[in-house]
C-alpha cells in the first residue's frame, strides 16, 4: 500500500509535508469527489471485507467506492501515513422514519487533532449530508459549507451533528408544490457520537450484519453517490438524482431521472467511473 498510489486515486498532487488543516481539507475534498459512497458489492454478490488490504485493493486499485466503514477506514490509514493525530469514532445515525437514533453504532467517522484543536472528518456519509470540510468540534457553532450549515450540539459527553435544510427546486414539478419547505422545521439530525476511541475490529460485527440484515436501507437499496464541485450525484436503484447546491439563495436545484437496466451500468461508468466485475441487481 502506497500513499502516492492513494493520491493518484483521488487526483491529489499538491504538497503534503505539513499535517495541517489546509492539507486535511484538500485531501477530504479530493477523496469525496473521487471515491463514491456506494454499497454496490452487496448487490453484486460480493462480500465486503473490513480489512485494510482488501479495502485498499478495492478502492485504490479497482477504482471502486465503499460505504462509511471502508472509505473512512482508508482515509484513516492515509491520514496516519501523513502524520496526522487521528482516531476512529463510532456514531448512531438518526432515522427520520423512526424519529430517533439507532440503538447500535452504525457509522464510522474520524477525529483529527491539529495544534491541539479537535476536528471531525467524515468521507463516508454520502448524499446531501456529506461534509465538504472538516468540522470544528465546537458545540452550538454554525459551520457553513457548500452543502449547507452544519452544527454540533453537545450534551453530557454525547455530540449531536445536525444540518440546516435548504429548499429544493425540482423543475419538472408544478409550482404549486415546490419550492418544498422542509417538514419539522429546518433542522435535519444526522447522527450522535461520543469521543470514545474505537478500533476497526469494533465494526467487524456491524460490517457482517449490514450485509445480511434485510431491514437496513443498504440491503434494500443499491446506492452510489459522489460529491461534485457544486453538488452531489446519487444513483439509488434506477433513480439518478443530480443536485446543484445553492442554485439561488438557500435553494438547491434537483434533477431526477429514471434509468433502464442498461443505462444503470453506463451511468456508473460515465458519471461515477465505476466498472463492476459482477452483475449488479439494482
C-alpha atoms as a PDB file:
ATOM      1  CA  UNK A   1       0.000   0.000   0.000  1.00  0.00           C
ATOM      2  CA  UNK A   2       1.410   3.301  -1.117  1.00  0.00           C
ATOM      3  CA  UNK A   3       0.322   6.852  -0.240  1.00  0.00           C
ATOM      4  CA  UNK A   4       1.308   8.104  -3.709  1.00  0.00           C
ATOM      5  CA  UNK A   5      -0.981   5.498  -5.279  1.00  0.00           C
ATOM      6  CA  UNK A   6      -3.792   6.718  -2.993  1.00  0.00           C
ATOM      7  CA  UNK A   7      -3.057  10.310  -4.086  1.00  0.00           C
ATOM      8  CA  UNK A   8      -3.290   9.157  -7.697  1.00  0.00           C
ATOM      9  CA  UNK A   9      -6.689   7.608  -6.960  1.00  0.00           C
ATOM     10  CA  UNK A  10      -8.029  10.887  -5.558  1.00  0.00           C
ATOM     11  CA  UNK A  11      -6.211  13.102  -8.126  1.00  0.00           C
ATOM     12  CA  UNK A  12      -4.285  14.925  -5.412  1.00  0.00           C
ATOM     13  CA  UNK A  13      -0.934  16.394  -6.418  1.00  0.00           C
ATOM     14  CA  UNK A  14      -0.398  19.301  -4.023  1.00  0.00           C
ATOM     15  CA  UNK A  15       2.308  19.448  -1.320  1.00  0.00           C
ATOM     16  CA  UNK A  16       1.524  17.426   1.800  1.00  0.00           C
ATOM     17  CA  UNK A  17       4.564  17.881   4.026  1.00  0.00           C
ATOM     18  CA  UNK A  18       2.576  19.657   6.719  1.00  0.00           C
ATOM     19  CA  UNK A  19      -0.131  17.753   8.603  1.00  0.00           C
ATOM     20  CA  UNK A  20      -2.183  20.946   8.802  1.00  0.00           C
ATOM     21  CA  UNK A  21      -5.833  21.930   8.346  1.00  0.00           C
ATOM     22  CA  UNK A  22      -5.330  23.240   4.813  1.00  0.00           C
ATOM     23  CA  UNK A  23      -3.902  19.906   3.617  1.00  0.00           C
ATOM     24  CA  UNK A  24      -6.549  17.924   5.524  1.00  0.00           C
ATOM     25  CA  UNK A  25      -9.332  19.936   3.866  1.00  0.00           C
ATOM     26  CA  UNK A  26      -7.842  19.451   0.392  1.00  0.00           C
ATOM     27  CA  UNK A  27      -7.435  15.687   0.893  1.00  0.00           C
ATOM     28  CA  UNK A  28     -11.013  15.313   2.180  1.00  0.00           C
ATOM     29  CA  UNK A  29     -12.393  17.221  -0.812  1.00  0.00           C
ATOM     30  CA  UNK A  30     -10.376  15.215  -3.333  1.00  0.00           C
ATOM     31  CA  UNK A  31     -11.404  11.985  -1.564  1.00  0.00           C
ATOM     32  CA  UNK A  32     -15.159  12.669  -1.634  1.00  0.00           C
ATOM     33  CA  UNK A  33     -15.066  13.904  -5.256  1.00  0.00           C
ATOM     34  CA  UNK A  34     -13.168  10.801  -6.431  1.00  0.00           C
ATOM     35  CA  UNK A  35     -14.370   7.935  -4.220  1.00  0.00           C
ATOM     36  CA  UNK A  36     -18.126   7.290  -4.305  1.00  0.00           C
ATOM     37  CA  UNK A  37     -20.125   6.314  -1.253  1.00  0.00           C
ATOM     38  CA  UNK A  38     -21.536   3.013  -2.549  1.00  0.00           C
ATOM     39  CA  UNK A  39     -22.852  -0.357  -1.414  1.00  0.00           C
ATOM     40  CA  UNK A  40     -22.884  -1.998  -4.844  1.00  0.00           C
ATOM     41  CA  UNK A  41     -20.855  -5.015  -3.723  1.00  0.00           C
ATOM     42  CA  UNK A  42     -23.753  -6.423  -1.727  1.00  0.00           C
ATOM     43  CA  UNK A  43     -25.988  -6.051  -4.802  1.00  0.00           C
ATOM     44  CA  UNK A  44     -23.402  -7.815  -6.973  1.00  0.00           C
ATOM     45  CA  UNK A  45     -22.975 -10.835  -4.694  1.00  0.00           C
ATOM     46  CA  UNK A  46     -19.531  -9.698  -3.499  1.00  0.00           C
ATOM     47  CA  UNK A  47     -18.562  -9.917   0.194  1.00  0.00           C
ATOM     48  CA  UNK A  48     -17.358  -6.680   1.822  1.00  0.00           C
ATOM     49  CA  UNK A  49     -14.240  -7.284   3.901  1.00  0.00           C
ATOM     50  CA  UNK A  50     -13.228  -4.851   6.618  1.00  0.00           C
ATOM     51  CA  UNK A  51      -9.525  -5.450   6.194  1.00  0.00           C
ATOM     52  CA  UNK A  52      -7.197  -2.605   5.231  1.00  0.00           C
ATOM     53  CA  UNK A  53      -5.512  -4.520   2.417  1.00  0.00           C
ATOM     54  CA  UNK A  54      -8.887  -5.533   0.961  1.00  0.00           C
ATOM     55  CA  UNK A  55     -10.296  -2.007   1.291  1.00  0.00           C
ATOM     56  CA  UNK A  56      -7.169  -0.515  -0.316  1.00  0.00           C
ATOM     57  CA  UNK A  57      -7.261  -3.004  -3.188  1.00  0.00           C
ATOM     58  CA  UNK A  58     -10.962  -2.397  -3.854  1.00  0.00           C
ATOM     59  CA  UNK A  59     -10.981   1.417  -3.667  1.00  0.00           C
ATOM     60  CA  UNK A  60      -7.480   2.396  -4.811  1.00  0.00           C
ATOM     61  CA  UNK A  61      -6.581  -0.352  -7.289  1.00  0.00           C
ATOM     62  CA  UNK A  62     -10.002  -1.399  -8.604  1.00  0.00           C
ATOM     63  CA  UNK A  63     -11.229   2.222  -8.502  1.00  0.00           C
ATOM     64  CA  UNK A  64     -14.400   1.386  -6.629  1.00  0.00           C
ATOM     65  CA  UNK A  65     -16.092   3.244  -3.795  1.00  0.00           C
ATOM     66  CA  UNK A  66     -17.314   1.927  -0.483  1.00  0.00           C
ATOM     67  CA  UNK A  67     -19.577   2.592   2.455  1.00  0.00           C
ATOM     68  CA  UNK A  68     -18.504   4.502   5.567  1.00  0.00           C
ATOM     69  CA  UNK A  69     -16.655   1.550   7.113  1.00  0.00           C
ATOM     70  CA  UNK A  70     -14.461   1.209   4.035  1.00  0.00           C
ATOM     71  CA  UNK A  71     -13.947   4.754   2.776  1.00  0.00           C
ATOM     72  CA  UNK A  72     -13.334   6.279   6.214  1.00  0.00           C
ATOM     73  CA  UNK A  73     -11.018   3.400   7.148  1.00  0.00           C
ATOM     74  CA  UNK A  74      -8.970   4.114   4.017  1.00  0.00           C
ATOM     75  CA  UNK A  75      -8.897   7.825   4.895  1.00  0.00           C
ATOM     76  CA  UNK A  76      -7.831   6.928   8.458  1.00  0.00           C
ATOM     77  CA  UNK A  77      -4.885   4.964   7.044  1.00  0.00           C
ATOM     78  CA  UNK A  78      -3.907   7.810   4.689  1.00  0.00           C
ATOM     79  CA  UNK A  79      -4.033  10.459   7.425  1.00  0.00           C
ATOM     80  CA  UNK A  80      -1.949   8.259   9.737  1.00  0.00           C
ATOM     81  CA  UNK A  81       0.612   7.839   6.948  1.00  0.00           C
ATOM     82  CA  UNK A  82       0.783  11.636   6.632  1.00  0.00           C
ATOM     83  CA  UNK A  83       1.436  12.089  10.342  1.00  0.00           C
ATOM     84  CA  UNK A  84      -1.971  13.299  11.492  1.00  0.00           C
ATOM     85  CA  UNK A  85      -3.191  12.689  15.048  1.00  0.00           C
ATOM     86  CA  UNK A  86      -6.301  10.730  14.037  1.00  0.00           C
ATOM     87  CA  UNK A  87      -8.618   8.271  15.786  1.00  0.00           C
ATOM     88  CA  UNK A  88     -11.734   6.318  14.832  1.00  0.00           C
ATOM     89  CA  UNK A  89     -15.100   7.110  16.449  1.00  0.00           C
ATOM     90  CA  UNK A  90     -18.473   5.350  16.218  1.00  0.00           C
ATOM     91  CA  UNK A  91     -21.817   7.087  15.654  1.00  0.00           C
ATOM     92  CA  UNK A  92     -25.525   6.243  15.819  1.00  0.00           C
ATOM     93  CA  UNK A  93     -27.356   7.541  12.740  1.00  0.00           C
ATOM     94  CA  UNK A  94     -30.651   9.388  13.009  1.00  0.00           C
ATOM     95  CA  UNK A  95     -33.571   7.516  11.420  1.00  0.00           C
ATOM     96  CA  UNK A  96     -36.202  10.069  10.318  1.00  0.00           C
ATOM     97  CA  UNK A  97     -38.878   7.376   9.910  1.00  0.00           C
ATOM     98  CA  UNK A  98     -38.306   6.209  13.490  1.00  0.00           C
ATOM     99  CA  UNK A  99     -37.854   9.785  14.793  1.00  0.00           C
ATOM    100  CA  UNK A 100     -34.829   8.602  16.759  1.00  0.00           C
ATOM    101  CA  UNK A 101     -31.232   7.402  16.669  1.00  0.00           C
ATOM    102  CA  UNK A 102     -30.276   3.780  16.028  1.00  0.00           C
ATOM    103  CA  UNK A 103     -29.821   1.701  19.165  1.00  0.00           C
ATOM    104  CA  UNK A 104     -26.461   0.386  17.946  1.00  0.00           C
ATOM    105  CA  UNK A 105     -23.467   2.212  16.486  1.00  0.00           C
ATOM    106  CA  UNK A 106     -23.775   2.015  12.687  1.00  0.00           C
ATOM    107  CA  UNK A 107     -21.383   4.657  11.368  1.00  0.00           C
ATOM    108  CA  UNK A 108     -17.615   5.144  11.451  1.00  0.00           C
ATOM    109  CA  UNK A 109     -16.107   8.643  11.470  1.00  0.00           C
ATOM    110  CA  UNK A 110     -12.769  10.216  12.359  1.00  0.00           C
ATOM    111  CA  UNK A 111     -11.493  12.732  14.885  1.00  0.00           C
ATOM    112  CA  UNK A 112      -8.345  14.620  13.889  1.00  0.00           C
ATOM    113  CA  UNK A 113      -6.321  16.828  16.233  1.00  0.00           C
ATOM    114  CA  UNK A 114      -4.483  19.802  14.734  1.00  0.00           C
ATOM    115  CA  UNK A 115      -2.448  22.069  17.024  1.00  0.00           C
ATOM    116  CA  UNK A 116      -4.490  20.805  19.952  1.00  0.00           C
ATOM    117  CA  UNK A 117      -7.841  21.574  18.281  1.00  0.00           C
ATOM    118  CA  UNK A 118     -10.210  18.653  17.521  1.00  0.00           C
ATOM    119  CA  UNK A 119     -11.953  18.306  14.144  1.00  0.00           C
ATOM    120  CA  UNK A 120     -14.456  15.760  12.896  1.00  0.00           C
ATOM    121  CA  UNK A 121     -13.681  14.336   9.451  1.00  0.00           C
ATOM    122  CA  UNK A 122     -16.131  12.075   7.621  1.00  0.00           C
ATOM    123  CA  UNK A 123     -15.812  10.986   3.981  1.00  0.00           C
ATOM    124  CA  UNK A 124     -18.481   8.304   4.250  1.00  0.00           C
ATOM    125  CA  UNK A 125     -21.920   9.755   4.821  1.00  0.00           C
ATOM    126  CA  UNK A 126     -22.788  10.293   1.176  1.00  0.00           C
ATOM    127  CA  UNK A 127     -25.659  12.210  -0.373  1.00  0.00           C
ATOM    128  CA  UNK A 128     -26.611  15.724   0.694  1.00  0.00           C
ATOM    129  CA  UNK A 129     -25.422  15.206   4.290  1.00  0.00           C
ATOM    130  CA  UNK A 130     -21.777  14.714   3.351  1.00  0.00           C
ATOM    131  CA  UNK A 131     -19.492  17.370   4.841  1.00  0.00           C
ATOM    132  CA  UNK A 132     -17.102  19.041   2.404  1.00  0.00           C
ATOM    133  CA  UNK A 133     -14.654  20.351   5.006  1.00  0.00           C
ATOM    134  CA  UNK A 134     -13.510  19.166   8.432  1.00  0.00           C
ATOM    135  CA  UNK A 135     -15.849  20.406  11.153  1.00  0.00           C
ATOM    136  CA  UNK A 136     -14.513  22.049  14.307  1.00  0.00           C
ATOM    137  CA  UNK A 137     -15.685  20.100  17.340  1.00  0.00           C
ATOM    138  CA  UNK A 138     -17.455  23.031  18.987  1.00  0.00           C
ATOM    139  CA  UNK A 139     -20.957  22.913  20.444  1.00  0.00           C
ATOM    140  CA  UNK A 140     -23.563  25.346  19.135  1.00  0.00           C
ATOM    141  CA  UNK A 141     -21.456  26.964  16.383  1.00  0.00           C
ATOM    142  CA  UNK A 142     -22.889  27.256  12.860  1.00  0.00           C
ATOM    143  CA  UNK A 143     -20.350  25.994  10.300  1.00  0.00           C
ATOM    144  CA  UNK A 144     -21.468  26.910   6.757  1.00  0.00           C
ATOM    145  CA  UNK A 145     -20.173  24.850   3.811  1.00  0.00           C
ATOM    146  CA  UNK A 146     -21.264  24.174   0.221  1.00  0.00           C
ATOM    147  CA  UNK A 147     -23.843  21.526   1.231  1.00  0.00           C
ATOM    148  CA  UNK A 148     -25.349  23.782   3.918  1.00  0.00           C
ATOM    149  CA  UNK A 149     -24.855  24.809   7.539  1.00  0.00           C
ATOM    150  CA  UNK A 150     -23.616  22.068   9.896  1.00  0.00           C
ATOM    151  CA  UNK A 151     -23.745  22.328  13.679  1.00  0.00           C
ATOM    152  CA  UNK A 152     -22.715  20.199  16.661  1.00  0.00           C
ATOM    153  CA  UNK A 153     -24.659  20.210  19.929  1.00  0.00           C
ATOM    154  CA  UNK A 154     -23.061  18.568  22.964  1.00  0.00           C
ATOM    155  CA  UNK A 155     -24.961  17.161  25.918  1.00  0.00           C
ATOM    156  CA  UNK A 156     -23.232  15.370  28.789  1.00  0.00           C
ATOM    157  CA  UNK A 157     -20.448  13.926  26.628  1.00  0.00           C
ATOM    158  CA  UNK A 158     -22.654  12.997  23.660  1.00  0.00           C
ATOM    159  CA  UNK A 159     -22.242  15.036  20.491  1.00  0.00           C
ATOM    160  CA  UNK A 160     -25.108  15.552  18.029  1.00  0.00           C
ATOM    161  CA  UNK A 161     -24.491  16.572  14.412  1.00  0.00           C
ATOM    162  CA  UNK A 162     -27.256  18.383  12.563  1.00  0.00           C
ATOM    163  CA  UNK A 163     -27.631  20.318   9.324  1.00  0.00           C
ATOM    164  CA  UNK A 164     -29.867  23.222   8.353  1.00  0.00           C
ATOM    165  CA  UNK A 165     -32.051  22.103   5.458  1.00  0.00           C
ATOM    166  CA  UNK A 166     -32.389  24.070   2.243  1.00  0.00           C
ATOM    167  CA  UNK A 167     -35.347  24.264  -0.102  1.00  0.00           C
ATOM    168  CA  UNK A 168     -35.255  22.165  -3.277  1.00  0.00           C
ATOM    169  CA  UNK A 169     -36.251  23.365  -6.723  1.00  0.00           C
ATOM    170  CA  UNK A 170     -37.278  20.460  -8.952  1.00  0.00           C
ATOM    171  CA  UNK A 171     -38.001  21.827 -12.440  1.00  0.00           C
ATOM    172  CA  UNK A 172     -40.411  19.107 -13.582  1.00  0.00           C
ATOM    173  CA  UNK A 173     -42.753  19.640 -10.612  1.00  0.00           C
ATOM    174  CA  UNK A 174     -45.534  22.199 -10.747  1.00  0.00           C
ATOM    175  CA  UNK A 175     -45.057  25.499  -8.967  1.00  0.00           C
ATOM    176  CA  UNK A 176     -47.878  24.542  -6.583  1.00  0.00           C
ATOM    177  CA  UNK A 177     -45.885  22.004  -4.576  1.00  0.00           C
ATOM    178  CA  UNK A 178     -42.371  23.486  -4.909  1.00  0.00           C
ATOM    179  CA  UNK A 179     -40.247  25.063  -3.597  1.00  0.00           C
ATOM    180  CA  UNK A 180     -40.623  22.412  -0.965  1.00  0.00           C
ATOM    181  CA  UNK A 181     -40.410  23.638   2.611  1.00  0.00           C
ATOM    182  CA  UNK A 182     -38.765  21.041   4.863  1.00  0.00           C
ATOM    183  CA  UNK A 183     -41.034  19.462   7.444  1.00  0.00           C
ATOM    184  CA  UNK A 184     -40.414  19.653  11.208  1.00  0.00           C
ATOM    185  CA  UNK A 185     -38.643  22.961  10.992  1.00  0.00           C
ATOM    186  CA  UNK A 186     -35.476  23.282   9.005  1.00  0.00           C
ATOM    187  CA  UNK A 187     -33.065  21.125  11.021  1.00  0.00           C
ATOM    188  CA  UNK A 188     -32.091  17.618   9.921  1.00  0.00           C
ATOM    189  CA  UNK A 189     -30.460  15.493  12.609  1.00  0.00           C
ATOM    190  CA  UNK A 190     -27.650  13.351  11.163  1.00  0.00           C
ATOM    191  CA  UNK A 191     -26.047  11.285  13.944  1.00  0.00           C
ATOM    192  CA  UNK A 192     -24.782  11.274  17.517  1.00  0.00           C
ATOM    193  CA  UNK A 193     -21.447  10.046  18.871  1.00  0.00           C
ATOM    194  CA  UNK A 194     -19.100  10.102  21.863  1.00  0.00           C
ATOM    195  CA  UNK A 195     -15.353  10.719  21.817  1.00  0.00           C
ATOM    196  CA  UNK A 196     -14.532   7.170  22.941  1.00  0.00           C
ATOM    197  CA  UNK A 197     -11.749   5.954  20.596  1.00  0.00           C
ATOM    198  CA  UNK A 198     -12.670   2.846  18.598  1.00  0.00           C
ATOM    199  CA  UNK A 199     -10.711   0.194  16.758  1.00  0.00           C
ATOM    200  CA  UNK A 200     -11.676  -1.165  13.341  1.00  0.00           C
ATOM    201  CA  UNK A 201     -12.359  -4.544  14.972  1.00  0.00           C
ATOM    202  CA  UNK A 202     -15.243  -2.884  16.854  1.00  0.00           C
ATOM    203  CA  UNK A 203     -17.034  -2.632  13.480  1.00  0.00           C
ATOM    204  CA  UNK A 204     -16.492  -6.184  12.170  1.00  0.00           C
ATOM    205  CA  UNK A 205     -19.825  -7.411  13.556  1.00  0.00           C
ATOM    206  CA  UNK A 206     -21.634  -4.396  12.090  1.00  0.00           C
ATOM    207  CA  UNK A 207     -19.962  -4.954   8.714  1.00  0.00           C
ATOM    208  CA  UNK A 208     -21.168  -8.572   8.676  1.00  0.00           C
ATOM    209  CA  UNK A 209     -24.650  -7.687   9.967  1.00  0.00           C
ATOM    210  CA  UNK A 210     -25.333  -4.953   7.403  1.00  0.00           C
ATOM    211  CA  UNK A 211     -24.627  -7.385   4.566  1.00  0.00           C
ATOM    212  CA  UNK A 212     -27.286  -9.882   5.686  1.00  0.00           C
ATOM    213  CA  UNK A 213     -29.909  -7.882   7.628  1.00  0.00           C
ATOM    214  CA  UNK A 214     -32.976  -7.480   5.368  1.00  0.00           C
ATOM    215  CA  UNK A 215     -34.249  -4.458   7.327  1.00  0.00           C
ATOM    216  CA  UNK A 216     -31.455  -1.973   6.756  1.00  0.00           C
ATOM    217  CA  UNK A 217     -31.572   0.576   3.925  1.00  0.00           C
ATOM    218  CA  UNK A 218     -28.257  -0.649   2.485  1.00  0.00           C
ATOM    219  CA  UNK A 219     -29.734  -4.078   1.772  1.00  0.00           C
ATOM    220  CA  UNK A 220     -32.994  -2.675   0.458  1.00  0.00           C
ATOM    221  CA  UNK A 221     -31.426  -0.221  -1.991  1.00  0.00           C
ATOM    222  CA  UNK A 222     -28.377  -0.138  -4.229  1.00  0.00           C
ATOM    223  CA  UNK A 223     -26.739   3.237  -3.599  1.00  0.00           C
ATOM    224  CA  UNK A 224     -23.917   5.129  -5.284  1.00  0.00           C
ATOM    225  CA  UNK A 225     -23.313   8.815  -4.551  1.00  0.00           C
ATOM    226  CA  UNK A 226     -20.443  11.143  -5.385  1.00  0.00           C
ATOM    227  CA  UNK A 227     -19.766  14.738  -4.407  1.00  0.00           C
ATOM    228  CA  UNK A 228     -19.130  17.124  -7.305  1.00  0.00           C
ATOM    229  CA  UNK A 229     -17.587  20.600  -7.323  1.00  0.00           C
ATOM    230  CA  UNK A 230     -21.045  22.177  -6.991  1.00  0.00           C
ATOM    231  CA  UNK A 231     -23.325  19.499  -5.562  1.00  0.00           C
ATOM    232  CA  UNK A 232     -23.886  15.760  -5.468  1.00  0.00           C
ATOM    233  CA  UNK A 233     -24.766  12.888  -7.818  1.00  0.00           C
ATOM    234  CA  UNK A 234     -26.734   9.947  -6.441  1.00  0.00           C
ATOM    235  CA  UNK A 235     -27.889   6.733  -8.086  1.00  0.00           C
ATOM    236  CA  UNK A 236     -30.372   4.863  -5.876  1.00  0.00           C
ATOM    237  CA  UNK A 237     -31.820   1.798  -7.580  1.00  0.00           C
ATOM    238  CA  UNK A 238     -32.776   3.083 -11.038  1.00  0.00           C
ATOM    239  CA  UNK A 239     -33.160   6.723  -9.947  1.00  0.00           C
ATOM    240  CA  UNK A 240     -30.401   9.198 -10.762  1.00  0.00           C
ATOM    241  CA  UNK A 241     -30.544  12.462  -8.823  1.00  0.00           C
ATOM    242  CA  UNK A 242     -28.296  15.386  -9.726  1.00  0.00           C
ATOM    243  CA  UNK A 243     -28.275  18.169  -7.143  1.00  0.00           C
ATOM    244  CA  UNK A 244     -26.625  21.572  -7.549  1.00  0.00           C
ATOM    245  CA  UNK A 245     -26.191  23.409  -4.282  1.00  0.00           C
ATOM    246  CA  UNK A 246     -27.393  26.938  -3.652  1.00  0.00           C
ATOM    247  CA  UNK A 247     -28.993  27.203  -7.081  1.00  0.00           C
ATOM    248  CA  UNK A 248     -30.390  30.518  -5.905  1.00  0.00           C
ATOM    249  CA  UNK A 249     -30.001  31.747  -2.375  1.00  0.00           C
ATOM    250  CA  UNK A 250     -30.890  28.933   0.062  1.00  0.00           C
ATOM    251  CA  UNK A 251     -32.178  26.819  -2.821  1.00  0.00           C
ATOM    252  CA  UNK A 252     -30.801  23.642  -4.412  1.00  0.00           C
ATOM    253  CA  UNK A 253     -31.566  22.626  -7.990  1.00  0.00           C
ATOM    254  CA  UNK A 254     -32.578  18.960  -8.281  1.00  0.00           C
ATOM    255  CA  UNK A 255     -32.878  16.899 -11.475  1.00  0.00           C
ATOM    256  CA  UNK A 256     -34.301  13.383 -11.222  1.00  0.00           C
ATOM    257  CA  UNK A 257     -34.069  10.756 -13.998  1.00  0.00           C
ATOM    258  CA  UNK A 258     -35.333   7.164 -14.022  1.00  0.00           C
ATOM    259  CA  UNK A 259     -32.920   4.826 -15.802  1.00  0.00           C
ATOM    260  CA  UNK A 260     -33.304   1.479 -17.548  1.00  0.00           C
ATOM    261  CA  UNK A 261     -31.169  -1.528 -16.523  1.00  0.00           C
ATOM    262  CA  UNK A 262     -28.809  -0.842 -19.431  1.00  0.00           C
ATOM    263  CA  UNK A 263     -28.483   2.837 -18.520  1.00  0.00           C
ATOM    264  CA  UNK A 264     -27.577   1.992 -14.910  1.00  0.00           C
ATOM    265  CA  UNK A 265     -24.346   0.275 -15.954  1.00  0.00           C
ATOM    266  CA  UNK A 266     -23.464   3.069 -18.410  1.00  0.00           C
ATOM    267  CA  UNK A 267     -24.215   5.767 -15.813  1.00  0.00           C
ATOM    268  CA  UNK A 268     -21.989   4.070 -13.223  1.00  0.00           C
ATOM    269  CA  UNK A 269     -19.163   4.117 -15.755  1.00  0.00           C
ATOM    270  CA  UNK A 270     -19.720   7.611 -17.177  1.00  0.00           C
ATOM    271  CA  UNK A 271     -20.661   9.581 -14.072  1.00  0.00           C
ATOM    272  CA  UNK A 272     -19.076   7.599 -11.225  1.00  0.00           C
ATOM    273  CA  UNK A 273     -16.098   5.993 -13.047  1.00  0.00           C
ATOM    274  CA  UNK A 274     -17.140   2.590 -11.693  1.00  0.00           C
ATOM    275  CA  UNK A 275     -16.858  -0.607 -13.718  1.00  0.00           C
ATOM    276  CA  UNK A 276     -18.230  -3.626 -11.873  1.00  0.00           C
ATOM    277  CA  UNK A 277     -16.754  -7.104 -12.156  1.00  0.00           C
ATOM    278  CA  UNK A 278     -20.027  -8.820 -11.372  1.00  0.00           C
ATOM    279  CA  UNK A 279     -23.620  -8.196 -12.478  1.00  0.00           C
ATOM    280  CA  UNK A 280     -25.445  -5.524 -10.466  1.00  0.00           C
ATOM    281  CA  UNK A 281     -29.049  -6.184  -9.489  1.00  0.00           C
ATOM    282  CA  UNK A 282     -30.375  -2.665  -8.731  1.00  0.00           C
END
